[in-house]
């Protein structure tokens, strides 16, 4: 394991930035007829939010009973709530969500 000094940690912690984590869970109408079409539009909207730089990481969870996905937003928690309240799958009660404030390092990414 790579050794990390206290000085390095202090320097890096100064570079953190605020983000919002959205936890998606199945809603009461997740299995209703037509839900997959609405989920498709939810996904289309996620691509648009990614293109706008608001949604940095999207992680759908396909086999989760209690979890549908996780997103990391590059916006405040208040803005993330507004975005999610307007989501077609949330409006249709196919998905529910929770928003949490977090901090991370700008430029972090998933490996290719």
N, C-alpha and C. Protein backbone atom coordinates (compact mmCIF):
# COMPACT_ATOMS: atom_id res chain seq x y z
N UNK A 1 0.85 -1.17 0.00
CA UNK A 1 0.00 0.00 0.00
C UNK A 1 0.90 1.24 0.00
N UNK A 2 0.49 2.28 -0.75
CA UNK A 2 1.26 3.51 -0.85
C UNK A 2 1.20 4.27 0.47
N UNK A 3 2.35 4.66 1.01
CA UNK A 3 2.34 5.44 2.26
C UNK A 3 1.81 6.86 2.00
N UNK A 4 0.99 7.37 2.91
CA UNK A 4 0.41 8.71 2.80
C UNK A 4 0.79 9.49 4.06
N UNK A 5 1.40 10.65 3.87
CA UNK A 5 1.82 11.46 5.01
C UNK A 5 0.68 12.35 5.50
N UNK A 6 0.82 12.82 6.73
CA UNK A 6 -0.15 13.77 7.28
C UNK A 6 -0.19 15.04 6.45
N UNK A 7 0.96 15.50 6.00
CA UNK A 7 1.04 16.72 5.20
C UNK A 7 0.25 16.57 3.89
N UNK A 8 0.41 15.42 3.25
CA UNK A 8 -0.33 15.15 2.01
C UNK A 8 -1.83 15.18 2.28
N UNK A 9 -2.24 14.53 3.37
CA UNK A 9 -3.67 14.49 3.71
C UNK A 9 -4.21 15.90 3.94
N UNK A 10 -3.47 16.72 4.70
CA UNK A 10 -3.92 18.10 4.95
C UNK A 10 -4.05 18.89 3.66
N UNK A 11 -3.07 18.73 2.78
CA UNK A 11 -3.09 19.43 1.48
C UNK A 11 -4.30 18.99 0.65
N UNK A 12 -4.54 17.71 0.59
CA UNK A 12 -5.65 17.19 -0.21
C UNK A 12 -7.00 17.60 0.36
N UNK A 13 -7.15 17.57 1.68
CA UNK A 13 -8.42 17.93 2.30
C UNK A 13 -8.79 19.38 2.03
N UNK A 14 -7.80 20.22 1.80
CA UNK A 14 -8.06 21.63 1.44
C UNK A 14 -8.68 21.75 0.04
N UNK A 15 -8.56 20.72 -0.77
CA UNK A 15 -9.03 20.76 -2.15
C UNK A 15 -10.42 20.16 -2.35
N UNK A 16 -11.04 19.68 -1.29
CA UNK A 16 -12.35 19.06 -1.45
C UNK A 16 -13.39 20.09 -1.86
N UNK A 17 -14.46 19.59 -2.45
CA UNK A 17 -15.56 20.42 -2.95
C UNK A 17 -16.87 19.78 -2.51
N UNK A 18 -17.90 20.61 -2.37
CA UNK A 18 -19.23 20.11 -2.00
C UNK A 18 -19.92 19.45 -3.18
N UNK A 19 -20.58 18.33 -2.91
CA UNK A 19 -21.39 17.60 -3.88
C UNK A 19 -22.66 17.13 -3.18
N UNK A 20 -23.55 16.55 -3.93
CA UNK A 20 -24.76 15.94 -3.36
C UNK A 20 -24.87 14.51 -3.86
N UNK A 21 -25.14 13.60 -2.94
CA UNK A 21 -25.37 12.20 -3.31
C UNK A 21 -26.88 11.97 -3.27
N UNK A 22 -27.40 11.37 -4.33
CA UNK A 22 -28.81 11.00 -4.38
C UNK A 22 -28.90 9.48 -4.35
N UNK A 23 -29.65 8.98 -3.39
CA UNK A 23 -29.91 7.54 -3.28
C UNK A 23 -31.32 7.30 -3.79
N UNK A 24 -31.44 6.49 -4.84
CA UNK A 24 -32.75 6.16 -5.42
C UNK A 24 -33.20 4.81 -4.91
N UNK A 25 -34.48 4.76 -4.56
CA UNK A 25 -35.08 3.51 -4.09
C UNK A 25 -36.36 3.26 -4.89
N UNK A 26 -36.75 1.99 -5.03
CA UNK A 26 -38.01 1.71 -5.71
C UNK A 26 -39.18 2.36 -4.98
N UNK A 27 -40.09 2.96 -5.75
CA UNK A 27 -41.28 3.56 -5.18
C UNK A 27 -42.44 2.58 -5.14
N UNK A 28 -43.56 3.06 -4.64
CA UNK A 28 -44.73 2.20 -4.47
C UNK A 28 -45.30 1.73 -5.81
N UNK A 29 -45.01 2.43 -6.89
CA UNK A 29 -45.55 2.05 -8.20
C UNK A 29 -44.47 1.51 -9.14
N UNK A 30 -43.37 1.01 -8.59
CA UNK A 30 -42.25 0.52 -9.40
C UNK A 30 -42.66 -0.58 -10.38
N UNK A 31 -43.60 -1.41 -10.02
CA UNK A 31 -43.98 -2.53 -10.87
C UNK A 31 -45.27 -2.29 -11.65
N UNK A 32 -45.72 -1.05 -11.71
CA UNK A 32 -46.96 -0.77 -12.44
C UNK A 32 -46.74 -0.92 -13.94
N UNK A 33 -47.80 -1.23 -14.69
CA UNK A 33 -47.66 -1.29 -16.15
C UNK A 33 -47.17 0.05 -16.69
N UNK A 34 -46.22 0.00 -17.60
CA UNK A 34 -45.67 1.21 -18.20
C UNK A 34 -44.50 1.82 -17.45
N UNK A 35 -44.12 1.22 -16.34
CA UNK A 35 -43.03 1.78 -15.53
C UNK A 35 -41.72 1.82 -16.31
N UNK A 36 -41.46 0.81 -17.13
CA UNK A 36 -40.19 0.76 -17.86
C UNK A 36 -40.05 1.93 -18.84
N UNK A 37 -41.15 2.36 -19.45
CA UNK A 37 -41.11 3.53 -20.34
C UNK A 37 -40.73 4.79 -19.56
N UNK A 38 -41.25 4.91 -18.37
CA UNK A 38 -40.95 6.08 -17.54
C UNK A 38 -39.50 6.01 -17.06
N UNK A 39 -39.03 4.83 -16.70
CA UNK A 39 -37.62 4.65 -16.31
C UNK A 39 -36.71 5.02 -17.48
N UNK A 40 -37.12 4.68 -18.70
CA UNK A 40 -36.34 5.03 -19.89
C UNK A 40 -36.19 6.55 -20.00
N UNK A 41 -37.28 7.27 -19.76
CA UNK A 41 -37.24 8.73 -19.82
C UNK A 41 -36.43 9.31 -18.65
N UNK A 42 -36.48 8.67 -17.50
CA UNK A 42 -35.63 9.03 -16.37
C UNK A 42 -34.16 8.93 -16.80
N UNK A 43 -33.82 7.85 -17.50
CA UNK A 43 -32.45 7.68 -18.00
C UNK A 43 -32.07 8.73 -19.02
N UNK A 44 -32.98 9.07 -19.91
CA UNK A 44 -32.72 10.11 -20.91
C UNK A 44 -32.42 11.44 -20.19
N UNK A 45 -33.21 11.71 -19.16
CA UNK A 45 -33.01 12.94 -18.39
C UNK A 45 -31.65 12.93 -17.70
N UNK A 46 -31.23 11.77 -17.20
CA UNK A 46 -29.90 11.66 -16.59
C UNK A 46 -28.80 11.98 -17.59
N UNK A 47 -28.94 11.51 -18.83
CA UNK A 47 -27.95 11.85 -19.86
C UNK A 47 -27.90 13.36 -20.08
N UNK A 48 -29.05 14.01 -20.08
CA UNK A 48 -29.10 15.46 -20.24
C UNK A 48 -28.43 16.17 -19.06
N UNK A 49 -28.71 15.70 -17.85
CA UNK A 49 -28.09 16.29 -16.67
C UNK A 49 -26.58 16.09 -16.68
N UNK A 50 -26.12 14.95 -17.17
CA UNK A 50 -24.67 14.71 -17.31
C UNK A 50 -24.08 15.68 -18.32
N UNK A 51 -24.76 15.87 -19.44
CA UNK A 51 -24.27 16.78 -20.49
C UNK A 51 -24.17 18.21 -19.97
N UNK A 52 -25.07 18.59 -19.07
CA UNK A 52 -25.06 19.93 -18.48
C UNK A 52 -24.04 20.08 -17.36
N UNK A 53 -23.40 18.98 -16.94
CA UNK A 53 -22.42 19.03 -15.87
C UNK A 53 -23.02 19.01 -14.48
N UNK A 54 -24.31 18.73 -14.36
CA UNK A 54 -24.97 18.71 -13.05
C UNK A 54 -24.89 17.35 -12.38
N UNK A 55 -24.89 16.29 -13.16
CA UNK A 55 -24.86 14.92 -12.65
C UNK A 55 -23.55 14.29 -13.09
N UNK A 56 -22.64 14.13 -12.13
CA UNK A 56 -21.28 13.68 -12.46
C UNK A 56 -21.13 12.17 -12.57
N UNK A 57 -21.83 11.43 -11.71
CA UNK A 57 -21.71 9.97 -11.69
C UNK A 57 -23.11 9.38 -11.56
N UNK A 58 -23.42 8.41 -12.42
CA UNK A 58 -24.70 7.71 -12.39
C UNK A 58 -24.41 6.22 -12.22
N UNK A 59 -25.02 5.62 -11.21
CA UNK A 59 -24.81 4.20 -10.94
C UNK A 59 -26.15 3.51 -10.74
N UNK A 60 -26.79 3.03 -11.81
CA UNK A 60 -28.02 2.25 -11.62
C UNK A 60 -27.69 0.94 -10.91
N UNK A 61 -28.61 0.49 -10.08
CA UNK A 61 -28.46 -0.80 -9.39
C UNK A 61 -29.57 -1.69 -9.93
N UNK A 62 -29.20 -2.68 -10.72
CA UNK A 62 -30.21 -3.46 -11.43
C UNK A 62 -30.81 -4.61 -10.62
N UNK A 63 -30.10 -5.13 -9.66
CA UNK A 63 -30.62 -6.27 -8.91
C UNK A 63 -30.89 -5.95 -7.45
N UNK A 64 -31.04 -4.68 -7.14
CA UNK A 64 -31.28 -4.31 -5.75
C UNK A 64 -32.76 -4.30 -5.42
N UNK A 65 -33.14 -4.97 -4.36
CA UNK A 65 -34.54 -4.94 -3.92
C UNK A 65 -34.87 -3.61 -3.29
N UNK A 66 -33.93 -3.10 -2.50
CA UNK A 66 -34.18 -1.88 -1.74
C UNK A 66 -33.43 -0.68 -2.29
N UNK A 67 -32.68 -0.86 -3.36
CA UNK A 67 -31.88 0.21 -3.92
C UNK A 67 -32.02 0.20 -5.44
N UNK A 68 -32.26 1.37 -6.02
CA UNK A 68 -32.41 1.47 -7.48
C UNK A 68 -31.22 2.15 -8.14
N UNK A 69 -30.50 2.98 -7.40
CA UNK A 69 -29.35 3.65 -7.98
C UNK A 69 -28.77 4.72 -7.07
N UNK A 70 -27.61 5.22 -7.49
CA UNK A 70 -26.91 6.28 -6.78
C UNK A 70 -26.43 7.28 -7.81
N UNK A 71 -26.56 8.54 -7.51
CA UNK A 71 -26.03 9.59 -8.37
C UNK A 71 -25.25 10.59 -7.54
N UNK A 72 -24.17 11.10 -8.12
CA UNK A 72 -23.41 12.17 -7.47
C UNK A 72 -23.60 13.42 -8.31
N UNK A 73 -24.22 14.42 -7.70
CA UNK A 73 -24.53 15.67 -8.37
C UNK A 73 -23.51 16.74 -8.03
N UNK A 74 -23.20 17.55 -9.01
CA UNK A 74 -22.29 18.67 -8.87
C UNK A 74 -23.09 19.95 -8.58
N UNK A 75 -24.07 19.83 -7.68
CA UNK A 75 -24.95 20.94 -7.31
C UNK A 75 -25.22 20.86 -5.81
N UNK A 76 -25.83 21.90 -5.26
CA UNK A 76 -26.19 21.90 -3.84
C UNK A 76 -27.29 20.87 -3.57
N UNK A 77 -27.48 20.54 -2.31
CA UNK A 77 -28.56 19.61 -1.98
C UNK A 77 -29.92 20.20 -2.32
N UNK A 78 -30.09 21.50 -2.14
CA UNK A 78 -31.37 22.13 -2.50
C UNK A 78 -31.65 22.00 -4.00
N UNK A 79 -30.63 22.24 -4.82
CA UNK A 79 -30.82 22.11 -6.27
C UNK A 79 -31.04 20.65 -6.66
N UNK A 80 -30.32 19.74 -6.01
CA UNK A 80 -30.51 18.31 -6.31
C UNK A 80 -31.95 17.89 -5.99
N UNK A 81 -32.50 18.40 -4.89
CA UNK A 81 -33.90 18.10 -4.55
C UNK A 81 -34.86 18.63 -5.61
N UNK A 82 -34.61 19.86 -6.09
CA UNK A 82 -35.47 20.43 -7.14
C UNK A 82 -35.38 19.58 -8.41
N UNK A 83 -34.18 19.17 -8.76
CA UNK A 83 -33.98 18.33 -9.95
C UNK A 83 -34.74 17.02 -9.80
N UNK A 84 -34.60 16.39 -8.65
CA UNK A 84 -35.23 15.09 -8.43
C UNK A 84 -36.75 15.20 -8.32
N UNK A 85 -37.25 16.28 -7.74
CA UNK A 85 -38.70 16.46 -7.65
C UNK A 85 -39.34 16.55 -9.02
N UNK A 86 -38.56 16.95 -10.03
CA UNK A 86 -39.08 17.09 -11.39
C UNK A 86 -38.79 15.85 -12.25
N UNK A 87 -38.19 14.83 -11.66
CA UNK A 87 -37.86 13.61 -12.39
C UNK A 87 -39.15 12.84 -12.71
N UNK A 88 -39.30 12.35 -13.94
CA UNK A 88 -40.54 11.66 -14.30
C UNK A 88 -40.81 10.40 -13.47
N UNK A 89 -39.77 9.66 -13.10
CA UNK A 89 -39.97 8.44 -12.31
C UNK A 89 -40.33 8.77 -10.86
N UNK A 90 -39.83 9.87 -10.36
CA UNK A 90 -40.19 10.30 -9.00
C UNK A 90 -41.63 10.81 -9.00
N UNK A 91 -41.97 11.60 -10.01
CA UNK A 91 -43.34 12.12 -10.11
C UNK A 91 -44.36 10.99 -10.20
N UNK A 92 -43.99 9.91 -10.89
CA UNK A 92 -44.90 8.77 -11.07
C UNK A 92 -44.84 7.78 -9.90
N UNK A 93 -44.04 8.09 -8.88
CA UNK A 93 -43.87 7.24 -7.70
C UNK A 93 -43.26 5.88 -8.02
N UNK A 94 -42.54 5.83 -9.13
CA UNK A 94 -41.80 4.62 -9.49
C UNK A 94 -40.49 4.57 -8.72
N UNK A 95 -39.93 5.74 -8.47
CA UNK A 95 -38.73 5.87 -7.66
C UNK A 95 -38.95 6.89 -6.55
N UNK A 96 -38.27 6.70 -5.45
CA UNK A 96 -38.19 7.70 -4.40
C UNK A 96 -36.71 8.03 -4.23
N UNK A 97 -36.42 9.09 -3.52
CA UNK A 97 -35.01 9.46 -3.37
C UNK A 97 -34.74 10.09 -2.02
N UNK A 98 -33.46 10.09 -1.67
CA UNK A 98 -32.93 10.81 -0.52
C UNK A 98 -31.69 11.55 -1.01
N UNK A 99 -31.47 12.76 -0.50
CA UNK A 99 -30.31 13.56 -0.89
C UNK A 99 -29.44 13.80 0.33
N UNK A 100 -28.13 13.67 0.14
CA UNK A 100 -27.16 13.89 1.21
C UNK A 100 -26.04 14.80 0.71
N UNK A 101 -25.61 15.69 1.58
CA UNK A 101 -24.44 16.52 1.29
C UNK A 101 -23.20 15.66 1.48
N UNK A 102 -22.22 15.85 0.62
CA UNK A 102 -20.93 15.18 0.78
C UNK A 102 -19.83 16.06 0.24
N UNK A 103 -18.62 15.65 0.48
CA UNK A 103 -17.45 16.36 -0.06
C UNK A 103 -16.56 15.32 -0.73
N UNK A 104 -15.92 15.74 -1.81
CA UNK A 104 -14.98 14.85 -2.49
C UNK A 104 -13.95 15.71 -3.21
N UNK A 105 -13.13 15.06 -3.99
CA UNK A 105 -12.04 15.73 -4.67
C UNK A 105 -12.39 15.98 -6.13
N UNK A 106 -12.38 17.26 -6.58
CA UNK A 106 -12.65 17.54 -7.99
C UNK A 106 -11.70 16.73 -8.88
N UNK A 107 -12.26 16.18 -9.94
CA UNK A 107 -11.44 15.38 -10.86
C UNK A 107 -11.46 13.90 -10.57
N UNK A 108 -11.96 13.50 -9.39
CA UNK A 108 -12.10 12.07 -9.12
C UNK A 108 -13.02 11.47 -10.18
N UNK A 109 -12.75 10.25 -10.56
CA UNK A 109 -13.59 9.60 -11.57
C UNK A 109 -13.50 8.09 -11.42
N UNK A 110 -14.41 7.43 -12.07
CA UNK A 110 -14.37 5.98 -12.11
C UNK A 110 -13.29 5.56 -13.11
N UNK A 111 -12.60 4.45 -12.86
CA UNK A 111 -11.57 4.01 -13.81
C UNK A 111 -12.22 3.60 -15.13
N UNK A 112 -11.48 3.79 -16.21
CA UNK A 112 -11.95 3.42 -17.54
C UNK A 112 -11.79 1.96 -17.77
